[in-house]
Amino acid sequence: MQIIKTILKKRAMCQFDPVEIELWRNVPFVKDRLANQEDMDFGSAVFMAEPNGEEHIPLEIDIPKLAYHIDQDTKEKSKVVIIQGEQVGDKKVLGIRYLNGGCGACLLFELEFIAY
């Protein structure tokens, strides 16, 4: 699972300020294309995938989008804004910003969308 290892390395570098709930739609994001280094530098992406020969395409998802990230160990829910989505092979990987600050990357099944 090289894709997940790569993303986990990037996660440690996340330095995002908190997002006010009323302004979540205003966060920068990447849509309909793959993220690049400029996107990461600007804060509109939290990872660049290294597909290692697997098909790598933008994920068809309406973003930015509000969701809960569900910790797979504790089942704790944290509100996040989805700011990027990419599919590498059969993995649907999303870049997220936590409303209380910071960021992460997760797989689609780890999210619960919020109607807002």
N, C-alpha and C. Protein backbone atom coordinates (compact mmCIF):
# COMPACT_ATOMS: atom_id res chain seq x y z
N MET A 1 0.83 -1.19 0.00
CA MET A 1 0.00 0.00 0.00
C MET A 1 0.87 1.24 0.00
N GLN A 2 1.66 1.40 -1.01
CA GLN A 2 2.57 2.53 -1.11
C GLN A 2 1.83 3.86 -1.06
N ILE A 3 0.67 3.93 -1.66
CA ILE A 3 -0.09 5.20 -1.68
C ILE A 3 -0.38 5.67 -0.26
N ILE A 4 -0.78 4.80 0.61
CA ILE A 4 -1.11 5.19 1.98
C ILE A 4 0.15 5.60 2.73
N LYS A 5 1.25 4.90 2.54
CA LYS A 5 2.51 5.27 3.19
C LYS A 5 2.94 6.66 2.76
N THR A 6 2.83 6.96 1.49
CA THR A 6 3.20 8.28 0.98
C THR A 6 2.34 9.36 1.61
N ILE A 7 1.06 9.12 1.69
CA ILE A 7 0.15 10.10 2.27
C ILE A 7 0.42 10.29 3.76
N LEU A 8 0.70 9.23 4.46
CA LEU A 8 0.98 9.35 5.88
C LEU A 8 2.22 10.18 6.13
N LYS A 9 3.21 10.11 5.27
CA LYS A 9 4.40 10.96 5.40
C LYS A 9 4.00 12.42 5.24
N LYS A 10 3.14 12.73 4.29
CA LYS A 10 2.71 14.10 4.05
C LYS A 10 1.87 14.63 5.20
N ARG A 11 1.08 13.78 5.84
CA ARG A 11 0.18 14.19 6.90
C ARG A 11 0.93 14.87 8.04
N ALA A 12 2.11 14.41 8.35
CA ALA A 12 2.89 14.96 9.46
C ALA A 12 3.29 16.41 9.21
N MET A 13 3.26 16.86 7.96
CA MET A 13 3.68 18.22 7.63
C MET A 13 2.52 19.21 7.62
N CYS A 14 1.32 18.80 7.95
CA CYS A 14 0.15 19.67 7.86
C CYS A 14 0.21 20.78 8.91
N GLN A 15 0.14 21.99 8.45
CA GLN A 15 0.13 23.16 9.33
C GLN A 15 -0.99 24.09 8.88
N PHE A 16 -2.23 23.72 9.15
CA PHE A 16 -3.37 24.53 8.75
C PHE A 16 -4.02 25.15 9.98
N ASP A 17 -4.46 26.40 9.83
CA ASP A 17 -5.19 27.07 10.90
C ASP A 17 -6.59 26.47 11.01
N PRO A 18 -7.25 26.69 12.14
CA PRO A 18 -8.66 26.27 12.27
C PRO A 18 -9.53 26.94 11.21
N VAL A 19 -10.65 26.29 10.90
CA VAL A 19 -11.61 26.81 9.93
C VAL A 19 -12.90 27.14 10.68
N GLU A 20 -13.36 28.37 10.55
CA GLU A 20 -14.64 28.74 11.16
C GLU A 20 -15.76 28.06 10.38
N ILE A 21 -16.70 27.46 11.09
CA ILE A 21 -17.75 26.68 10.44
C ILE A 21 -18.51 27.50 9.39
N GLU A 22 -18.71 28.79 9.63
CA GLU A 22 -19.44 29.62 8.67
C GLU A 22 -18.65 29.84 7.38
N LEU A 23 -17.34 29.62 7.42
CA LEU A 23 -16.48 29.92 6.27
C LEU A 23 -15.90 28.68 5.60
N TRP A 24 -16.43 27.50 5.91
CA TRP A 24 -15.83 26.29 5.39
C TRP A 24 -15.83 26.23 3.86
N ARG A 25 -16.80 26.84 3.22
CA ARG A 25 -16.86 26.81 1.75
C ARG A 25 -15.76 27.66 1.10
N ASN A 26 -15.09 28.50 1.90
CA ASN A 26 -14.07 29.40 1.37
C ASN A 26 -12.66 28.84 1.41
N VAL A 27 -12.46 27.64 1.93
CA VAL A 27 -11.11 27.09 1.98
C VAL A 27 -10.63 26.74 0.58
N PRO A 28 -9.34 26.92 0.30
CA PRO A 28 -8.84 26.54 -1.03
C PRO A 28 -8.93 25.02 -1.23
N PHE A 29 -9.12 24.61 -2.48
CA PHE A 29 -9.28 23.18 -2.78
C PHE A 29 -8.83 22.90 -4.20
N VAL A 30 -8.69 21.63 -4.52
CA VAL A 30 -8.35 21.15 -5.86
C VAL A 30 -9.50 20.28 -6.34
N LYS A 31 -9.99 20.58 -7.53
CA LYS A 31 -11.13 19.82 -8.06
C LYS A 31 -10.91 19.52 -9.53
N ASP A 32 -11.31 18.34 -9.96
CA ASP A 32 -11.29 17.92 -11.37
C ASP A 32 -9.89 17.78 -11.96
N ARG A 33 -8.86 17.69 -11.09
CA ARG A 33 -7.49 17.46 -11.56
C ARG A 33 -6.67 16.91 -10.41
N LEU A 34 -5.49 16.42 -10.73
CA LEU A 34 -4.59 15.90 -9.71
C LEU A 34 -3.82 17.05 -9.06
N ALA A 35 -3.55 16.93 -7.79
CA ALA A 35 -2.81 17.95 -7.06
C ALA A 35 -1.34 17.94 -7.46
N ASN A 36 -0.73 19.13 -7.37
CA ASN A 36 0.70 19.25 -7.65
C ASN A 36 1.37 19.97 -6.47
N GLN A 37 2.67 20.18 -6.57
CA GLN A 37 3.41 20.80 -5.48
C GLN A 37 2.92 22.21 -5.19
N GLU A 38 2.57 22.95 -6.22
CA GLU A 38 2.05 24.31 -6.03
C GLU A 38 0.76 24.28 -5.19
N ASP A 39 -0.10 23.32 -5.44
CA ASP A 39 -1.33 23.18 -4.65
C ASP A 39 -1.00 22.92 -3.19
N MET A 40 -0.02 22.07 -2.94
CA MET A 40 0.37 21.77 -1.57
C MET A 40 0.96 23.01 -0.90
N ASP A 41 1.79 23.74 -1.62
CA ASP A 41 2.39 24.96 -1.07
C ASP A 41 1.34 26.01 -0.75
N PHE A 42 0.31 26.11 -1.58
CA PHE A 42 -0.75 27.10 -1.41
C PHE A 42 -1.76 26.69 -0.34
N GLY A 43 -1.85 25.41 -0.05
CA GLY A 43 -2.79 24.92 0.95
C GLY A 43 -4.10 24.42 0.38
N SER A 44 -4.14 24.21 -0.93
CA SER A 44 -5.36 23.69 -1.54
C SER A 44 -5.31 22.17 -1.69
N ALA A 45 -4.21 21.55 -1.26
CA ALA A 45 -4.06 20.10 -1.28
C ALA A 45 -3.19 19.69 -0.10
N VAL A 46 -3.39 18.46 0.36
CA VAL A 46 -2.59 17.97 1.48
C VAL A 46 -1.69 16.79 1.09
N PHE A 47 -1.81 16.31 -0.15
CA PHE A 47 -0.93 15.23 -0.58
C PHE A 47 -0.78 15.25 -2.09
N MET A 48 0.29 14.63 -2.54
CA MET A 48 0.51 14.31 -3.94
C MET A 48 0.75 12.81 -3.96
N ALA A 49 -0.06 12.09 -4.66
CA ALA A 49 0.05 10.64 -4.68
C ALA A 49 1.18 10.20 -5.61
N GLU A 50 1.81 9.10 -5.25
CA GLU A 50 2.81 8.45 -6.09
C GLU A 50 2.21 7.12 -6.53
N PRO A 51 1.61 7.09 -7.72
CA PRO A 51 0.81 5.93 -8.11
C PRO A 51 1.59 4.66 -8.39
N ASN A 52 2.88 4.73 -8.66
CA ASN A 52 3.70 3.53 -8.91
C ASN A 52 3.06 2.58 -9.91
N GLY A 53 2.66 3.14 -11.06
CA GLY A 53 2.13 2.31 -12.14
C GLY A 53 0.63 2.07 -12.10
N GLU A 54 -0.03 2.44 -11.00
CA GLU A 54 -1.48 2.27 -10.92
C GLU A 54 -2.18 3.44 -11.62
N GLU A 55 -3.40 3.21 -12.08
CA GLU A 55 -4.17 4.28 -12.67
C GLU A 55 -4.38 5.37 -11.62
N HIS A 56 -4.20 6.62 -12.02
CA HIS A 56 -4.28 7.75 -11.10
C HIS A 56 -5.12 8.85 -11.75
N ILE A 57 -6.32 9.08 -11.20
CA ILE A 57 -7.24 10.04 -11.79
C ILE A 57 -7.88 10.89 -10.68
N PRO A 58 -8.38 12.09 -11.06
CA PRO A 58 -9.14 12.86 -10.07
C PRO A 58 -10.42 12.11 -9.69
N LEU A 59 -10.80 12.21 -8.43
CA LEU A 59 -12.01 11.57 -7.96
C LEU A 59 -13.20 12.48 -8.25
N GLU A 60 -14.24 11.93 -8.80
CA GLU A 60 -15.43 12.71 -9.10
C GLU A 60 -16.23 12.90 -7.81
N ILE A 61 -16.02 14.05 -7.18
CA ILE A 61 -16.69 14.36 -5.91
C ILE A 61 -16.89 15.87 -5.85
N ASP A 62 -18.02 16.27 -5.31
CA ASP A 62 -18.33 17.69 -5.17
C ASP A 62 -17.56 18.24 -3.97
N ILE A 63 -16.56 19.06 -4.23
CA ILE A 63 -15.77 19.65 -3.14
C ILE A 63 -15.63 21.15 -3.34
N PRO A 64 -15.42 21.92 -2.30
CA PRO A 64 -15.25 21.46 -0.93
C PRO A 64 -16.55 20.90 -0.38
N LYS A 65 -16.42 20.00 0.58
CA LYS A 65 -17.59 19.33 1.16
C LYS A 65 -17.33 19.12 2.65
N LEU A 66 -18.37 19.32 3.43
CA LEU A 66 -18.29 19.13 4.87
C LEU A 66 -18.58 17.67 5.20
N ALA A 67 -17.81 17.11 6.13
CA ALA A 67 -17.98 15.70 6.49
C ALA A 67 -17.45 15.46 7.90
N TYR A 68 -17.73 14.28 8.39
CA TYR A 68 -17.09 13.79 9.61
C TYR A 68 -16.02 12.80 9.19
N HIS A 69 -14.84 12.94 9.75
CA HIS A 69 -13.82 11.90 9.60
C HIS A 69 -13.98 10.99 10.80
N ILE A 70 -14.13 9.70 10.56
CA ILE A 70 -14.33 8.73 11.63
C ILE A 70 -13.03 7.98 11.87
N ASP A 71 -12.45 8.20 13.05
CA ASP A 71 -11.22 7.51 13.42
C ASP A 71 -11.52 6.01 13.47
N GLN A 72 -10.75 5.24 12.74
CA GLN A 72 -11.04 3.81 12.61
C GLN A 72 -10.72 3.02 13.88
N ASP A 73 -9.91 3.58 14.77
CA ASP A 73 -9.60 2.89 16.02
C ASP A 73 -10.58 3.25 17.13
N THR A 74 -10.85 4.56 17.28
CA THR A 74 -11.68 5.01 18.41
C THR A 74 -13.13 5.26 18.02
N LYS A 75 -13.42 5.33 16.71
CA LYS A 75 -14.75 5.66 16.17
C LYS A 75 -15.14 7.11 16.49
N GLU A 76 -14.20 7.91 16.96
CA GLU A 76 -14.46 9.33 17.23
C GLU A 76 -14.66 10.07 15.91
N LYS A 77 -15.64 10.98 15.89
CA LYS A 77 -15.95 11.76 14.69
C LYS A 77 -15.40 13.18 14.85
N SER A 78 -14.74 13.65 13.80
CA SER A 78 -14.22 15.03 13.77
C SER A 78 -14.73 15.70 12.51
N LYS A 79 -15.22 16.93 12.63
CA LYS A 79 -15.67 17.66 11.45
C LYS A 79 -14.48 18.08 10.61
N VAL A 80 -14.63 17.88 9.30
CA VAL A 80 -13.57 18.22 8.34
C VAL A 80 -14.17 18.85 7.10
N VAL A 81 -13.31 19.50 6.33
CA VAL A 81 -13.67 19.97 4.99
C VAL A 81 -12.83 19.15 4.02
N ILE A 82 -13.48 18.51 3.08
CA ILE A 82 -12.76 17.76 2.04
C ILE A 82 -12.27 18.77 1.01
N ILE A 83 -10.94 18.77 0.75
CA ILE A 83 -10.37 19.74 -0.17
C ILE A 83 -9.74 19.11 -1.41
N GLN A 84 -9.66 17.80 -1.46
CA GLN A 84 -9.15 17.15 -2.67
C GLN A 84 -9.58 15.69 -2.67
N GLY A 85 -9.66 15.12 -3.86
CA GLY A 85 -10.00 13.72 -4.00
C GLY A 85 -9.31 13.12 -5.21
N GLU A 86 -8.63 12.00 -5.00
CA GLU A 86 -7.93 11.33 -6.09
C GLU A 86 -8.12 9.83 -5.96
N GLN A 87 -8.17 9.16 -7.08
CA GLN A 87 -8.26 7.71 -7.08
C GLN A 87 -6.96 7.15 -7.63
N VAL A 88 -6.35 6.28 -6.84
CA VAL A 88 -5.12 5.60 -7.24
C VAL A 88 -5.41 4.11 -7.21
N GLY A 89 -5.46 3.51 -8.38
CA GLY A 89 -5.88 2.11 -8.45
C GLY A 89 -7.31 2.02 -7.96
N ASP A 90 -7.57 1.17 -6.98
CA ASP A 90 -8.93 1.05 -6.43
C ASP A 90 -9.12 1.86 -5.15
N LYS A 91 -8.13 2.65 -4.76
CA LYS A 91 -8.20 3.45 -3.53
C LYS A 91 -8.72 4.86 -3.83
N LYS A 92 -9.76 5.26 -3.10
CA LYS A 92 -10.31 6.62 -3.22
C LYS A 92 -9.79 7.41 -2.03
N VAL A 93 -8.82 8.29 -2.30
CA VAL A 93 -8.10 9.01 -1.26
C VAL A 93 -8.53 10.47 -1.25
N LEU A 94 -8.80 10.98 -0.04
CA LEU A 94 -9.26 12.36 0.10
C LEU A 94 -8.34 13.15 1.01
N GLY A 95 -8.12 14.40 0.63
CA GLY A 95 -7.38 15.33 1.48
C GLY A 95 -8.40 16.12 2.30
N ILE A 96 -8.16 16.24 3.60
CA ILE A 96 -9.12 16.90 4.49
C ILE A 96 -8.44 17.93 5.37
N ARG A 97 -9.21 18.94 5.73
CA ARG A 97 -8.79 19.93 6.73
C ARG A 97 -9.72 19.81 7.93
N TYR A 98 -9.13 19.66 9.10
CA TYR A 98 -9.92 19.59 10.33
C TYR A 98 -10.36 21.00 10.71
N LEU A 99 -11.61 21.14 11.16
CA LEU A 99 -12.10 22.46 11.53
C LEU A 99 -11.32 23.05 12.70
N ASN A 100 -10.76 22.20 13.55
CA ASN A 100 -10.00 22.71 14.69
C ASN A 100 -8.52 22.90 14.37
N GLY A 101 -8.14 22.79 13.11
CA GLY A 101 -6.77 23.00 12.67
C GLY A 101 -6.11 21.70 12.24
N GLY A 102 -5.14 21.82 11.38
CA GLY A 102 -4.44 20.65 10.87
C GLY A 102 -5.13 20.04 9.67
N CYS A 103 -4.55 18.95 9.19
CA CYS A 103 -5.10 18.30 8.00
C CYS A 103 -4.76 16.83 8.03
N GLY A 104 -5.24 16.13 7.03
CA GLY A 104 -4.96 14.71 6.94
C GLY A 104 -5.38 14.17 5.59
N ALA A 105 -5.19 12.90 5.43
CA ALA A 105 -5.63 12.19 4.24
C ALA A 105 -6.30 10.91 4.72
N CYS A 106 -7.34 10.52 4.02
CA CYS A 106 -8.07 9.32 4.43
C CYS A 106 -8.68 8.67 3.21
N LEU A 107 -9.22 7.50 3.42
CA LEU A 107 -9.94 6.81 2.36
C LEU A 107 -11.42 7.18 2.46
N LEU A 108 -12.12 7.08 1.36
CA LEU A 108 -13.52 7.51 1.29
C LEU A 108 -14.39 6.87 2.36
N PHE A 109 -14.17 5.58 2.65
CA PHE A 109 -15.03 4.90 3.62
C PHE A 109 -14.88 5.45 5.04
N GLU A 110 -13.85 6.26 5.30
CA GLU A 110 -13.62 6.83 6.62
C GLU A 110 -14.42 8.12 6.85
N LEU A 111 -15.21 8.53 5.86
CA LEU A 111 -15.95 9.79 5.94
C LEU A 111 -17.46 9.56 5.97
N GLU A 112 -18.12 10.45 6.66
CA GLU A 112 -19.59 10.51 6.69
C GLU A 112 -19.95 11.94 6.27
N PHE A 113 -20.60 12.08 5.12
CA PHE A 113 -20.92 13.41 4.62
C PHE A 113 -22.00 14.09 5.46
N ILE A 114 -21.89 15.40 5.59
CA ILE A 114 -22.83 16.20 6.36
C ILE A 114 -23.62 17.06 5.38
N ALA A 115 -24.94 17.00 5.46
CA ALA A 115 -25.79 17.87 4.65
C ALA A 115 -25.78 19.23 5.31
N TYR A 116 -25.29 20.24 4.58
CA TYR A 116 -25.16 21.57 5.16
C TYR A 116 -25.60 22.61 4.18
